[in-house]
Amino acid sequence: MIPKPDGGERKLGVPAVLDRLIQQAIAQVLVPVFDPGFVPVSYGFRPNKSAHDAVRVARP
């Protein structure tokens, strides 16, 4: 349980293993379909791209 600011508590929402497995399976199908449509300078949540890569490109 996690304490809430108002004094109450809530359950910690940890995804189940099956949920994570399904998310990964869907991502493996959808990423190859949609990723080629993104512009090359798009770095958010892309495979093999990171915030560090975006900073390197943005620096003069």
Protein backbone atom coordinates (compact mmCIF):
# COMPACT_ATOMS: atom_id res chain seq x y z
CA MET A 1 0.00 0.00 0.00
CA ILE A 2 1.14 3.53 -0.79
CA PRO A 3 0.15 6.45 1.44
CA LYS A 4 -1.90 9.23 -0.22
CA PRO A 5 -1.55 12.92 0.65
CA ASP A 6 -5.05 12.97 2.18
CA GLY A 7 -4.11 10.25 4.68
CA GLY A 8 -5.62 7.31 2.81
CA GLU A 9 -3.80 4.50 1.06
CA ARG A 10 -3.86 2.95 -2.40
CA LYS A 11 -2.56 -0.29 -3.83
CA LEU A 12 0.68 -0.19 -5.76
CA GLY A 13 -0.21 -0.91 -9.41
CA VAL A 14 2.41 -3.37 -10.67
CA PRO A 15 1.57 -4.91 -14.05
CA ALA A 16 1.36 -8.67 -14.07
CA VAL A 17 3.80 -10.75 -16.08
CA LEU A 18 1.08 -11.67 -18.56
CA ASP A 19 0.26 -7.98 -19.12
CA ARG A 20 3.93 -7.22 -19.86
CA LEU A 21 4.17 -10.23 -22.20
CA ILE A 22 1.15 -9.05 -24.18
CA GLN A 23 2.47 -5.46 -24.34
CA GLN A 24 5.80 -6.69 -25.70
CA ALA A 25 4.15 -8.95 -28.29
CA ILE A 26 2.01 -6.08 -29.57
CA ALA A 27 5.02 -3.74 -29.68
CA GLN A 28 7.02 -6.26 -31.72
CA VAL A 29 4.26 -6.24 -34.35
CA LEU A 30 3.45 -2.52 -34.39
CA VAL A 31 6.92 -0.94 -34.17
CA PRO A 32 8.13 -2.29 -37.54
CA VAL A 33 4.89 -1.12 -39.15
CA PHE A 34 4.84 2.44 -37.83
CA ASP A 35 8.48 3.30 -37.08
CA PRO A 36 9.50 3.85 -40.73
CA GLY A 37 6.84 6.56 -40.99
CA PHE A 38 8.46 8.75 -38.34
CA VAL A 39 10.87 11.48 -39.37
CA PRO A 40 14.54 10.68 -38.68
CA VAL A 41 14.85 13.49 -36.11
CA SER A 42 12.13 11.99 -33.90
CA TYR A 43 13.82 10.48 -30.83
CA GLY A 44 10.96 9.86 -28.36
CA PHE A 45 10.42 6.20 -27.43
CA ARG A 46 12.11 4.90 -30.57
CA PRO A 47 14.21 1.75 -30.83
CA ASN A 48 17.96 2.45 -30.86
CA LYS A 49 17.45 6.16 -30.15
CA SER A 50 17.83 7.96 -26.85
CA ALA A 51 17.61 11.37 -25.25
CA HIS A 52 21.42 11.50 -25.37
CA ASP A 53 21.29 11.02 -29.15
CA ALA A 54 18.81 13.89 -29.44
CA VAL A 55 21.08 16.19 -27.41
CA ARG A 56 24.09 15.27 -29.59
CA VAL A 57 22.14 16.18 -32.73
CA ALA A 58 20.79 19.42 -31.26
CA ARG A 59 24.18 20.73 -30.15
CA PRO A 60 25.96 22.95 -32.67
